Every structure is written in C-alpha cells, then in structure tokens.
PDB file of N, CA and C in Angstrom:
ATOM      1  N   UNK A   1       0.820  -1.150   0.029  1.00  0.00           N
ATOM      2  CA  UNK A   1      -0.039   0.009  -0.023  1.00  0.00           C
ATOM      3  C   UNK A   1       0.926   1.236   0.011  1.00  0.00           C
ATOM      4  N   UNK A   2       1.297   1.699   1.175  1.00  0.00           N
ATOM      5  CA  UNK A   2       2.143   2.902   1.245  1.00  0.00           C
ATOM      6  C   UNK A   2       3.039   2.704   2.487  1.00  0.00           C
ATOM      7  N   UNK A   3       4.057   3.478   2.599  1.00  0.00           N
ATOM      8  CA  UNK A   3       4.954   3.375   3.782  1.00  0.00           C
ATOM      9  C   UNK A   3       4.894   4.751   4.472  1.00  0.00           C
ATOM     10  N   UNK A   4       5.285   4.706   5.750  1.00  0.00           N
ATOM     11  CA  UNK A   4       5.225   5.930   6.567  1.00  0.00           C
ATOM     12  C   UNK A   4       6.119   7.007   5.923  1.00  0.00           C
ATOM     13  N   UNK A   5       7.210   6.672   5.307  1.00  0.00           N
ATOM     14  CA  UNK A   5       8.014   7.638   4.580  1.00  0.00           C
ATOM     15  C   UNK A   5       7.343   8.315   3.421  1.00  0.00           C
ATOM     16  N   UNK A   6       6.260   7.694   2.884  1.00  0.00           N
ATOM     17  CA  UNK A   6       5.572   8.290   1.708  1.00  0.00           C
ATOM     18  C   UNK A   6       4.594   9.496   2.235  1.00  0.00           C
ATOM     19  N   UNK A   7       4.345   9.530   3.538  1.00  0.00           N
ATOM     20  CA  UNK A   7       3.365  10.448   4.085  1.00  0.00           C
ATOM     21  C   UNK A   7       4.048  11.107   5.334  1.00  0.00           C
ATOM     22  N   UNK A   8       4.911  12.076   5.097  1.00  0.00           N
ATOM     23  CA  UNK A   8       5.610  12.723   6.272  1.00  0.00           C
ATOM     24  C   UNK A   8       4.569  13.516   7.088  1.00  0.00           C
ATOM     25  N   UNK A   9       4.931  13.783   8.321  1.00  0.00           N
ATOM     26  CA  UNK A   9       4.018  14.506   9.188  1.00  0.00           C
ATOM     27  C   UNK A   9       3.574  15.834   8.513  1.00  0.00           C
ATOM     28  N   UNK A  10       2.292  16.014   8.539  1.00  0.00           N
ATOM     29  CA  UNK A  10       1.714  17.311   8.000  1.00  0.00           C
ATOM     30  C   UNK A  10       1.527  17.196   6.591  1.00  0.00           C
ATOM     31  N   UNK A  11       1.554  16.013   5.979  1.00  0.00           N
ATOM     32  CA  UNK A  11       1.384  15.832   4.522  1.00  0.00           C
ATOM     33  C   UNK A  11       0.243  14.861   4.193  1.00  0.00           C
ATOM     34  N   UNK A  12      -0.146  14.882   2.885  1.00  0.00           N
ATOM     35  CA  UNK A  12      -1.251  14.010   2.388  1.00  0.00           C
ATOM     36  C   UNK A  12      -0.795  13.259   1.158  1.00  0.00           C
ATOM     37  N   UNK A  13      -1.406  12.149   0.886  1.00  0.00           N
ATOM     38  CA  UNK A  13      -0.953  11.335  -0.235  1.00  0.00           C
ATOM     39  C   UNK A  13      -2.183  10.661  -0.836  1.00  0.00           C
ATOM     40  N   UNK A  14      -2.392  10.739  -2.178  1.00  0.00           N
ATOM     41  CA  UNK A  14      -3.516  10.047  -2.793  1.00  0.00           C
ATOM     42  C   UNK A  14      -3.053   8.641  -3.178  1.00  0.00           C
ATOM     43  N   UNK A  15      -3.876   7.673  -2.880  1.00  0.00           N
ATOM     44  CA  UNK A  15      -3.616   6.301  -3.156  1.00  0.00           C
ATOM     45  C   UNK A  15      -4.901   5.672  -3.690  1.00  0.00           C
ATOM     46  N   UNK A  16      -4.842   4.407  -4.276  1.00  0.00           N
ATOM     47  CA  UNK A  16      -6.014   3.740  -4.657  1.00  0.00           C
ATOM     48  C   UNK A  16      -6.089   2.481  -3.796  1.00  0.00           C
ATOM     49  N   UNK A  17      -7.270   2.221  -3.213  1.00  0.00           N
ATOM     50  CA  UNK A  17      -7.479   1.006  -2.404  1.00  0.00           C
ATOM     51  C   UNK A  17      -8.677   0.219  -2.937  1.00  0.00           C
ATOM     52  N   UNK A  18      -8.422  -0.963  -3.432  1.00  0.00           N
ATOM     53  CA  UNK A  18      -9.515  -1.747  -3.984  1.00  0.00           C
ATOM     54  C   UNK A  18     -10.433  -0.954  -4.911  1.00  0.00           C
ATOM     55  N   UNK A  19      -9.770  -0.173  -5.795  1.00  0.00           N
ATOM     56  CA  UNK A  19     -10.635   0.623  -6.753  1.00  0.00           C
ATOM     57  C   UNK A  19     -11.112   1.977  -6.225  1.00  0.00           C
ATOM     58  N   UNK A  20     -10.990   2.316  -4.952  1.00  0.00           N
ATOM     59  CA  UNK A  20     -11.354   3.562  -4.332  1.00  0.00           C
ATOM     60  C   UNK A  20     -10.343   4.526  -4.345  1.00  0.00           C
ATOM     61  N   UNK A  21     -10.580   5.827  -4.647  1.00  0.00           N
ATOM     62  CA  UNK A  21      -9.642   6.885  -4.495  1.00  0.00           C
ATOM     63  C   UNK A  21      -9.586   7.278  -3.053  1.00  0.00           C
ATOM     64  N   UNK A  22      -8.454   7.215  -2.408  1.00  0.00           N
ATOM     65  CA  UNK A  22      -8.261   7.436  -1.018  1.00  0.00           C
ATOM     66  C   UNK A  22      -7.267   8.447  -0.774  1.00  0.00           C
ATOM     67  N   UNK A  23      -7.420   9.328   0.260  1.00  0.00           N
ATOM     68  CA  UNK A  23      -6.332  10.228   0.753  1.00  0.00           C
ATOM     69  C   UNK A  23      -5.787   9.823   2.168  1.00  0.00           C
ATOM     70  N   UNK A  24      -4.567   9.693   2.174  1.00  0.00           N
ATOM     71  CA  UNK A  24      -3.834   9.417   3.461  1.00  0.00           C
ATOM     72  C   UNK A  24      -3.403  10.798   3.990  1.00  0.00           C
ATOM     73  N   UNK A  25      -3.540  10.868   5.309  1.00  0.00           N
ATOM     74  CA  UNK A  25      -3.099  12.039   6.054  1.00  0.00           C
ATOM     75  C   UNK A  25      -2.170  11.648   7.210  1.00  0.00           C
ATOM     76  N   UNK A  26      -1.072  12.433   7.473  1.00  0.00           N
ATOM     77  CA  UNK A  26      -0.292  12.222   8.706  1.00  0.00           C
ATOM     78  C   UNK A  26      -0.493  13.399   9.447  1.00  0.00           C
ATOM     79  N   UNK A  27      -1.178  13.310  10.675  1.00  0.00           N
ATOM     80  CA  UNK A  27      -1.354  14.361  11.570  1.00  0.00           C
ATOM     81  C   UNK A  27      -0.605  14.082  12.851  1.00  0.00           C
ATOM     82  N   UNK A  28       0.500  14.686  13.044  1.00  0.00           N
ATOM     83  CA  UNK A  28       1.289  14.519  14.272  1.00  0.00           C
ATOM     84  C   UNK A  28       1.589  12.946  14.535  1.00  0.00           C
ATOM     85  N   UNK A  29       1.845  12.269  13.403  1.00  0.00           N
ATOM     86  CA  UNK A  29       2.304  10.883  13.577  1.00  0.00           C
ATOM     87  C   UNK A  29       1.155   9.851  13.519  1.00  0.00           C
ATOM     88  N   UNK A  30      -0.073  10.336  13.478  1.00  0.00           N
ATOM     89  CA  UNK A  30      -1.257   9.459  13.341  1.00  0.00           C
ATOM     90  C   UNK A  30      -1.746   9.485  11.850  1.00  0.00           C
ATOM     91  N   UNK A  31      -1.898   8.279  11.283  1.00  0.00           N
ATOM     92  CA  UNK A  31      -2.306   8.192   9.892  1.00  0.00           C
ATOM     93  C   UNK A  31      -3.847   8.022   9.752  1.00  0.00           C
ATOM     94  N   UNK A  32      -4.461   8.782   8.958  1.00  0.00           N
ATOM     95  CA  UNK A  32      -5.875   8.710   8.719  1.00  0.00           C
ATOM     96  C   UNK A  32      -6.118   8.444   7.281  1.00  0.00           C
ATOM     97  N   UNK A  33      -7.250   8.019   6.951  1.00  0.00           N
ATOM     98  CA  UNK A  33      -7.574   7.694   5.507  1.00  0.00           C
ATOM     99  C   UNK A  33      -9.135   8.081   5.273  1.00  0.00           C
ATOM    100  N   UNK A  34      -9.291   8.936   4.271  1.00  0.00           N
ATOM    101  CA  UNK A  34     -10.709   9.271   3.891  1.00  0.00           C
ATOM    102  C   UNK A  34     -10.838   9.119   2.354  1.00  0.00           C
ATOM    103  N   UNK A  35     -12.126   9.208   1.834  1.00  0.00           N
ATOM    104  CA  UNK A  35     -12.188   9.236   0.455  1.00  0.00           C
ATOM    105  C   UNK A  35     -11.436  10.474  -0.076  1.00  0.00           C
ATOM    106  N   UNK A  36     -10.800  10.407  -1.293  1.00  0.00           N
ATOM    107  CA  UNK A  36     -10.075  11.437  -1.819  1.00  0.00           C
ATOM    108  C   UNK A  36     -10.928  12.498  -2.571  1.00  0.00           C
ATOM    109  N   UNK A  37     -12.199  12.136  -2.951  1.00  0.00           N
ATOM    110  CA  UNK A  37     -12.972  13.067  -3.691  1.00  0.00           C
ATOM    111  C   UNK A  37     -13.935  13.826  -2.739  1.00  0.00           C
ATOM    112  N   UNK A  38     -13.829  15.146  -2.918  1.00  0.00           N
ATOM    113  CA  UNK A  38     -14.693  16.040  -2.014  1.00  0.00           C
ATOM    114  C   UNK A  38     -16.152  15.590  -2.219  1.00  0.00           C
ATOM    115  N   UNK A  39     -16.962  15.679  -1.184  1.00  0.00           N
ATOM    116  CA  UNK A  39     -18.339  15.359  -1.210  1.00  0.00           C
ATOM    117  C   UNK A  39     -19.264  16.375  -1.936  1.00  0.00           C
ATOM    118  N   UNK A  40     -18.751  17.506  -2.224  1.00  0.00           N
ATOM    119  CA  UNK A  40     -19.497  18.498  -2.916  1.00  0.00           C
ATOM    120  C   UNK A  40     -19.241  18.582  -4.398  1.00  0.00           C
ATOM    121  N   UNK A  41     -18.008  18.451  -4.814  1.00  0.00           N
ATOM    122  CA  UNK A  41     -17.615  18.561  -6.230  1.00  0.00           C
ATOM    123  C   UNK A  41     -16.551  17.507  -6.554  1.00  0.00           C
ATOM    124  N   UNK A  42     -16.248  17.275  -7.755  1.00  0.00           N
ATOM    125  CA  UNK A  42     -15.286  16.306  -8.120  1.00  0.00           C
ATOM    126  C   UNK A  42     -13.888  17.000  -8.051  1.00  0.00           C
ATOM    127  N   UNK A  43     -13.320  16.979  -6.862  1.00  0.00           N
ATOM    128  CA  UNK A  43     -12.010  17.573  -6.620  1.00  0.00           C
ATOM    129  C   UNK A  43     -11.236  16.660  -5.729  1.00  0.00           C
ATOM    130  N   UNK A  44      -9.899  16.507  -5.936  1.00  0.00           N
ATOM    131  CA  UNK A  44      -9.041  15.614  -5.219  1.00  0.00           C
ATOM    132  C   UNK A  44      -8.706  16.388  -3.915  1.00  0.00           C
ATOM    133  N   UNK A  45      -9.010  15.867  -2.768  1.00  0.00           N
ATOM    134  CA  UNK A  45      -8.659  16.421  -1.545  1.00  0.00           C
ATOM    135  C   UNK A  45      -7.117  16.460  -1.342  1.00  0.00           C
ATOM    136  N   UNK A  46      -6.410  15.425  -1.864  1.00  0.00           N
ATOM    137  CA  UNK A  46      -4.888  15.272  -1.736  1.00  0.00           C
ATOM    138  C   UNK A  46      -4.294  16.526  -2.447  1.00  0.00           C
ATOM    139  N   UNK A  47      -4.953  17.190  -3.328  1.00  0.00           N
ATOM    140  CA  UNK A  47      -4.521  18.392  -4.019  1.00  0.00           C
ATOM    141  C   UNK A  47      -4.920  19.703  -3.252  1.00  0.00           C
ATOM    142  N   UNK A  48      -5.552  19.519  -2.119  1.00  0.00           N
ATOM    143  CA  UNK A  48      -6.006  20.624  -1.337  1.00  0.00           C
ATOM    144  C   UNK A  48      -4.982  21.024  -0.278  1.00  0.00           C
ATOM    145  N   UNK A  49      -5.406  21.528   0.834  1.00  0.00           N
ATOM    146  CA  UNK A  49      -4.508  22.053   1.836  1.00  0.00           C
ATOM    147  C   UNK A  49      -4.826  21.526   3.269  1.00  0.00           C
ATOM    148  N   UNK A  50      -3.833  21.233   3.978  1.00  0.00           N
ATOM    149  CA  UNK A  50      -4.030  20.935   5.369  1.00  0.00           C
ATOM    150  C   UNK A  50      -4.150  22.211   6.175  1.00  0.00           C
ATOM    151  N   UNK A  51      -5.172  22.391   6.977  1.00  0.00           N
ATOM    152  CA  UNK A  51      -5.333  23.542   7.884  1.00  0.00           C
ATOM    153  C   UNK A  51      -5.573  22.980   9.173  1.00  0.00           C
ATOM    154  N   UNK A  52      -4.532  22.875  10.002  1.00  0.00           N
ATOM    155  CA  UNK A  52      -4.614  22.179  11.315  1.00  0.00           C
ATOM    156  C   UNK A  52      -4.986  20.791  11.093  1.00  0.00           C
ATOM    157  N   UNK A  53      -6.064  20.287  11.738  1.00  0.00           N
ATOM    158  CA  UNK A  53      -6.511  18.938  11.470  1.00  0.00           C
ATOM    159  C   UNK A  53      -7.649  18.853  10.542  1.00  0.00           C
ATOM    160  N   UNK A  54      -7.762  19.807   9.633  1.00  0.00           N
ATOM    161  CA  UNK A  54      -8.790  19.805   8.604  1.00  0.00           C
ATOM    162  C   UNK A  54      -8.068  19.746   7.196  1.00  0.00           C
ATOM    163  N   UNK A  55      -8.844  19.296   6.272  1.00  0.00           N
ATOM    164  CA  UNK A  55      -8.478  19.318   4.852  1.00  0.00           C
ATOM    165  C   UNK A  55      -9.377  20.328   4.106  1.00  0.00           C
ATOM    166  N   UNK A  56      -8.746  21.153   3.320  1.00  0.00           N
ATOM    167  CA  UNK A  56      -9.539  22.202   2.573  1.00  0.00           C
ATOM    168  C   UNK A  56      -9.530  21.724   1.084  1.00  0.00           C
ATOM    169  N   UNK A  57     -10.759  21.709   0.519  1.00  0.00           N
ATOM    170  CA  UNK A  57     -10.952  21.328  -0.849  1.00  0.00           C
ATOM    171  C   UNK A  57     -10.261  22.384  -1.686  1.00  0.00           C
ATOM    172  N   UNK A  58      -9.469  22.002  -2.778  1.00  0.00           N
ATOM    173  CA  UNK A  58      -8.821  22.976  -3.580  1.00  0.00           C
ATOM    174  C   UNK A  58      -9.709  23.678  -4.592  1.00  0.00           C
ATOM    175  N   UNK A  59     -10.947  23.153  -4.673  1.00  0.00           N
ATOM    176  CA  UNK A  59     -11.838  23.774  -5.676  1.00  0.00           C
ATOM    177  C   UNK A  59     -12.707  24.891  -5.144  1.00  0.00           C
ATOM    178  N   UNK A  60     -13.212  24.615  -3.926  1.00  0.00           N
ATOM    179  CA  UNK A  60     -14.239  25.632  -3.452  1.00  0.00           C
ATOM    180  C   UNK A  60     -14.111  25.894  -1.901  1.00  0.00           C
ATOM    181  N   UNK A  61     -12.926  25.422  -1.334  1.00  0.00           N
ATOM    182  CA  UNK A  61     -12.628  25.699   0.111  1.00  0.00           C
ATOM    183  C   UNK A  61     -13.458  25.120   1.140  1.00  0.00           C
ATOM    184  N   UNK A  62     -14.253  24.082   0.817  1.00  0.00           N
ATOM    185  CA  UNK A  62     -15.002  23.348   1.859  1.00  0.00           C
ATOM    186  C   UNK A  62     -13.924  22.748   2.806  1.00  0.00           C
ATOM    187  N   UNK A  63     -14.248  22.817   4.058  1.00  0.00           N
ATOM    188  CA  UNK A  63     -13.373  22.133   5.129  1.00  0.00           C
ATOM    189  C   UNK A  63     -13.931  20.855   5.653  1.00  0.00           C
ATOM    190  N   UNK A  64     -13.094  19.941   5.827  1.00  0.00           N
ATOM    191  CA  UNK A  64     -13.490  18.614   6.508  1.00  0.00           C
ATOM    192  C   UNK A  64     -12.520  18.354   7.655  1.00  0.00           C
ATOM    193  N   UNK A  65     -13.078  18.046   8.861  1.00  0.00           N
ATOM    194  CA  UNK A  65     -12.276  17.642  10.022  1.00  0.00           C
ATOM    195  C   UNK A  65     -11.861  16.272   9.851  1.00  0.00           C
ATOM    196  N   UNK A  66     -10.538  15.964   9.700  1.00  0.00           N
ATOM    197  CA  UNK A  66     -10.059  14.664   9.375  1.00  0.00           C
ATOM    198  C   UNK A  66     -10.330  13.654  10.388  1.00  0.00           C
ATOM    199  N   UNK A  67     -10.103  13.852  11.698  1.00  0.00           N
ATOM    200  CA  UNK A  67     -10.286  12.782  12.671  1.00  0.00           C
ATOM    201  C   UNK A  67     -11.727  12.384  12.836  1.00  0.00           C
ATOM    202  N   UNK A  68     -12.681  13.337  12.622  1.00  0.00           N
ATOM    203  CA  UNK A  68     -14.069  13.018  12.828  1.00  0.00           C
ATOM    204  C   UNK A  68     -14.762  12.862  11.420  1.00  0.00           C
ATOM    205  N   UNK A  69     -14.081  13.197  10.297  1.00  0.00           N
ATOM    206  CA  UNK A  69     -14.675  13.059   8.938  1.00  0.00           C
ATOM    207  C   UNK A  69     -15.736  14.077   8.624  1.00  0.00           C
ATOM    208  N   UNK A  70     -16.131  14.977   9.492  1.00  0.00           N
ATOM    209  CA  UNK A  70     -17.187  15.882   9.394  1.00  0.00           C
ATOM    210  C   UNK A  70     -16.952  17.095   8.467  1.00  0.00           C
ATOM    211  N   UNK A  71     -17.958  17.336   7.662  1.00  0.00           N
ATOM    212  CA  UNK A  71     -17.914  18.584   6.899  1.00  0.00           C
ATOM    213  C   UNK A  71     -18.141  19.773   7.781  1.00  0.00           C
ATOM    214  N   UNK A  72     -17.164  20.656   7.823  1.00  0.00           N
ATOM    215  CA  UNK A  72     -17.247  21.791   8.791  1.00  0.00           C
ATOM    216  C   UNK A  72     -17.529  23.114   8.195  1.00  0.00           C
ATOM    217  N   UNK A  73     -17.580  23.268   6.882  1.00  0.00           N
ATOM    218  CA  UNK A  73     -17.938  24.537   6.289  1.00  0.00           C
ATOM    219  C   UNK A  73     -18.494  24.335   4.850  1.00  0.00           C
ATOM    220  N   UNK A  74     -19.429  25.240   4.498  1.00  0.00           N
ATOM    221  CA  UNK A  74     -20.050  25.129   3.129  1.00  0.00           C
ATOM    222  C   UNK A  74     -19.008  25.373   2.080  1.00  0.00           C
ATOM    223  N   UNK A  75     -19.297  24.933   0.924  1.00  0.00           N
ATOM    224  CA  UNK A  75     -20.505  24.361   0.450  1.00  0.00           C
ATOM    225  C   UNK A  75     -20.787  22.934   0.777  1.00  0.00           C
ATOM    226  N   UNK A  76     -19.792  22.209   1.222  1.00  0.00           N
ATOM    227  CA  UNK A  76     -19.978  20.730   1.549  1.00  0.00           C
ATOM    228  C   UNK A  76     -20.805  20.621   2.763  1.00  0.00           C
ATOM    229  N   UNK A  77     -21.805  19.656   2.584  1.00  0.00           N
ATOM    230  CA  UNK A  77     -22.593  19.334   3.783  1.00  0.00           C
ATOM    231  C   UNK A  77     -22.597  17.848   4.098  1.00  0.00           C
ATOM    232  N   UNK A  78     -22.047  17.058   3.180  1.00  0.00           N
ATOM    233  CA  UNK A  78     -22.014  15.587   3.417  1.00  0.00           C
ATOM    234  C   UNK A  78     -20.518  15.253   4.005  1.00  0.00           C
ATOM    235  N   UNK A  79     -20.477  14.428   5.014  1.00  0.00           N
ATOM    236  CA  UNK A  79     -19.309  14.000   5.651  1.00  0.00           C
ATOM    237  C   UNK A  79     -18.480  13.054   4.662  1.00  0.00           C
ATOM    238  N   UNK A  80     -17.185  12.973   5.000  1.00  0.00           N
ATOM    239  CA  UNK A  80     -16.366  12.064   4.254  1.00  0.00           C
ATOM    240  C   UNK A  80     -16.462  10.570   4.681  1.00  0.00           C
ATOM    241  N   UNK A  81     -16.223   9.642   3.762  1.00  0.00           N
ATOM    242  CA  UNK A  81     -16.105   8.243   4.066  1.00  0.00           C
ATOM    243  C   UNK A  81     -14.731   8.089   4.680  1.00  0.00           C
ATOM    244  N   UNK A  82     -14.595   7.322   5.742  1.00  0.00           N
ATOM    245  CA  UNK A  82     -13.355   6.966   6.278  1.00  0.00           C
ATOM    246  C   UNK A  82     -12.983   5.487   6.000  1.00  0.00           C
ATOM    247  N   UNK A  83     -11.765   5.169   6.033  1.00  0.00           N
ATOM    248  CA  UNK A  83     -11.262   3.850   5.832  1.00  0.00           C
ATOM    249  C   UNK A  83     -10.462   3.354   7.055  1.00  0.00           C
ATOM    250  N   UNK A  84     -10.570   2.066   7.353  1.00  0.00           N
ATOM    251  CA  UNK A  84      -9.713   1.558   8.500  1.00  0.00           C
ATOM    252  C   UNK A  84      -8.216   1.566   8.107  1.00  0.00           C
ATOM    253  N   UNK A  85      -7.373   2.038   9.029  1.00  0.00           N
ATOM    254  CA  UNK A  85      -5.973   2.098   8.839  1.00  0.00           C
ATOM    255  C   UNK A  85      -5.285   1.256   9.859  1.00  0.00           C
ATOM    256  N   UNK A  86      -4.221   0.458   9.376  1.00  0.00           N
ATOM    257  CA  UNK A  86      -3.302  -0.289  10.313  1.00  0.00           C
ATOM    258  C   UNK A  86      -1.930   0.097   9.874  1.00  0.00           C
ATOM    259  N   UNK A  87      -1.124   0.477  10.881  1.00  0.00           N
ATOM    260  CA  UNK A  87       0.257   0.650  10.634  1.00  0.00           C
ATOM    261  C   UNK A  87       1.064  -0.517  11.231  1.00  0.00           C
ATOM    262  N   UNK A  88       1.733  -1.271  10.315  1.00  0.00           N
ATOM    263  CA  UNK A  88       2.463  -2.389  10.752  1.00  0.00           C
ATOM    264  C   UNK A  88       3.878  -2.092  10.397  1.00  0.00           C
ATOM    265  N   UNK A  89       4.714  -1.779  11.368  1.00  0.00           N
ATOM    266  CA  UNK A  89       6.183  -1.448  11.140  1.00  0.00           C
ATOM    267  C   UNK A  89       6.108  -0.187  10.382  1.00  0.00           C
ATOM    268  N   UNK A  90       6.680  -0.129   9.137  1.00  0.00           N
ATOM    269  CA  UNK A  90       6.701   0.977   8.268  1.00  0.00           C
ATOM    270  C   UNK A  90       5.623   1.028   7.211  1.00  0.00           C
ATOM    271  N   UNK A  91       4.760  -0.010   7.266  1.00  0.00           N
ATOM    272  CA  UNK A  91       3.711  -0.220   6.202  1.00  0.00           C
ATOM    273  C   UNK A  91       2.373   0.335   6.638  1.00  0.00           C
ATOM    274  N   UNK A  92       1.736   1.124   5.855  1.00  0.00           N
ATOM    275  CA  UNK A  92       0.430   1.653   6.070  1.00  0.00           C
ATOM    276  C   UNK A  92      -0.523   0.715   5.240  1.00  0.00           C
ATOM    277  N   UNK A  93      -1.438   0.041   5.997  1.00  0.00           N
ATOM    278  CA  UNK A  93      -2.448  -0.762   5.320  1.00  0.00           C
ATOM    279  C   UNK A  93      -3.808  -0.039   5.403  1.00  0.00           C
ATOM    280  N   UNK A  94      -4.594   0.098   4.288  1.00  0.00           N
ATOM    281  CA  UNK A  94      -5.844   0.639   4.347  1.00  0.00           C
ATOM    282  C   UNK A  94      -6.739  -0.323   3.571  1.00  0.00           C
ATOM    283  N   UNK A  95      -7.929  -0.534   4.228  1.00  0.00           N
ATOM    284  CA  UNK A  95      -8.892  -1.467   3.628  1.00  0.00           C
ATOM    285  C   UNK A  95     -10.147  -0.745   3.206  1.00  0.00           C
ATOM    286  N   UNK A  96     -10.629  -1.095   1.990  1.00  0.00           N
ATOM    287  CA  UNK A  96     -11.881  -0.458   1.553  1.00  0.00           C
ATOM    288  C   UNK A  96     -13.039  -1.047   2.371  1.00  0.00           C
ATOM    289  N   UNK A  97     -12.860  -2.174   2.873  1.00  0.00           N
ATOM    290  CA  UNK A  97     -14.043  -2.841   3.579  1.00  0.00           C
ATOM    291  C   UNK A  97     -13.536  -3.040   5.042  1.00  0.00           C
ATOM    292  N   UNK A  98     -13.256  -4.277   5.448  1.00  0.00           N
ATOM    293  CA  UNK A  98     -12.849  -4.659   6.734  1.00  0.00           C
ATOM    294  C   UNK A  98     -11.423  -5.168   6.748  1.00  0.00           C
ATOM    295  N   UNK A  99     -10.567  -4.645   7.470  1.00  0.00           N
ATOM    296  CA  UNK A  99      -9.185  -5.190   7.563  1.00  0.00           C
ATOM    297  C   UNK A  99      -9.244  -6.523   8.388  1.00  0.00           C
ATOM    298  N   UNK A 100      -8.454  -7.521   7.925  1.00  0.00           N
ATOM    299  CA  UNK A 100      -8.317  -8.730   8.677  1.00  0.00           C
ATOM    300  C   UNK A 100      -7.454  -8.343   9.855  1.00  0.00           C
ATOM    301  N   UNK A 101      -7.694  -8.956  10.951  1.00  0.00           N
ATOM    302  CA  UNK A 101      -6.860  -8.802  12.218  1.00  0.00           C
ATOM    303  C   UNK A 101      -5.540  -9.487  12.087  1.00  0.00           C
TER     304      UNK A 101
END
C-alpha cells in the first residue's frame, strides 16, 4: 500500500485502495484515511491544503475535520467516508471494507 516515509508529518498522499480513491493524512504521527474526492464537487482532496487537523478542498474551500470526517464549512454538507488504517512497522495498510486482524 504505502509506507510511513511516503506520508511525512503534516502531508497528504493520494492512493487507490481496491478501486477507491483514498487520501492518506499524517497528523502528528497518526495516519488517517478518507475518500479522496470532495463530497460537494469532483475535486481531489490530496491536491487541497491541510489547515490544522482539517483538509480544505482545492476547488471551493470546503473544510473537513479529518479525525471525525465531518464537513465543517459550506458548500460541503456531506461528511467524508473513512477507511480503516493499520500501521505495521513502516507499512500503512488501508482497507476499503474490513481489515483482517
């Protein structure tokens, strides 16, 4: 999938997981994964901006709180889909459905 070195602290990375466009985020050493497409328009969140613990859509500046996946500012009103993340050593595993233990 990806390694920790691919997503330095305070950065994002677009990846594909089982056919889904996913955005990985590293917030103070914690890895999060959400859908990569904004819920309001067809825009890649990985091309947007990190603002604290939120991602800002590059197309129309909608904000999403990454840890809670919530849309926090218009025009987006629909929350992001989140994906389970497991970090094993230096490897980041993201599952589109359920990760095996």
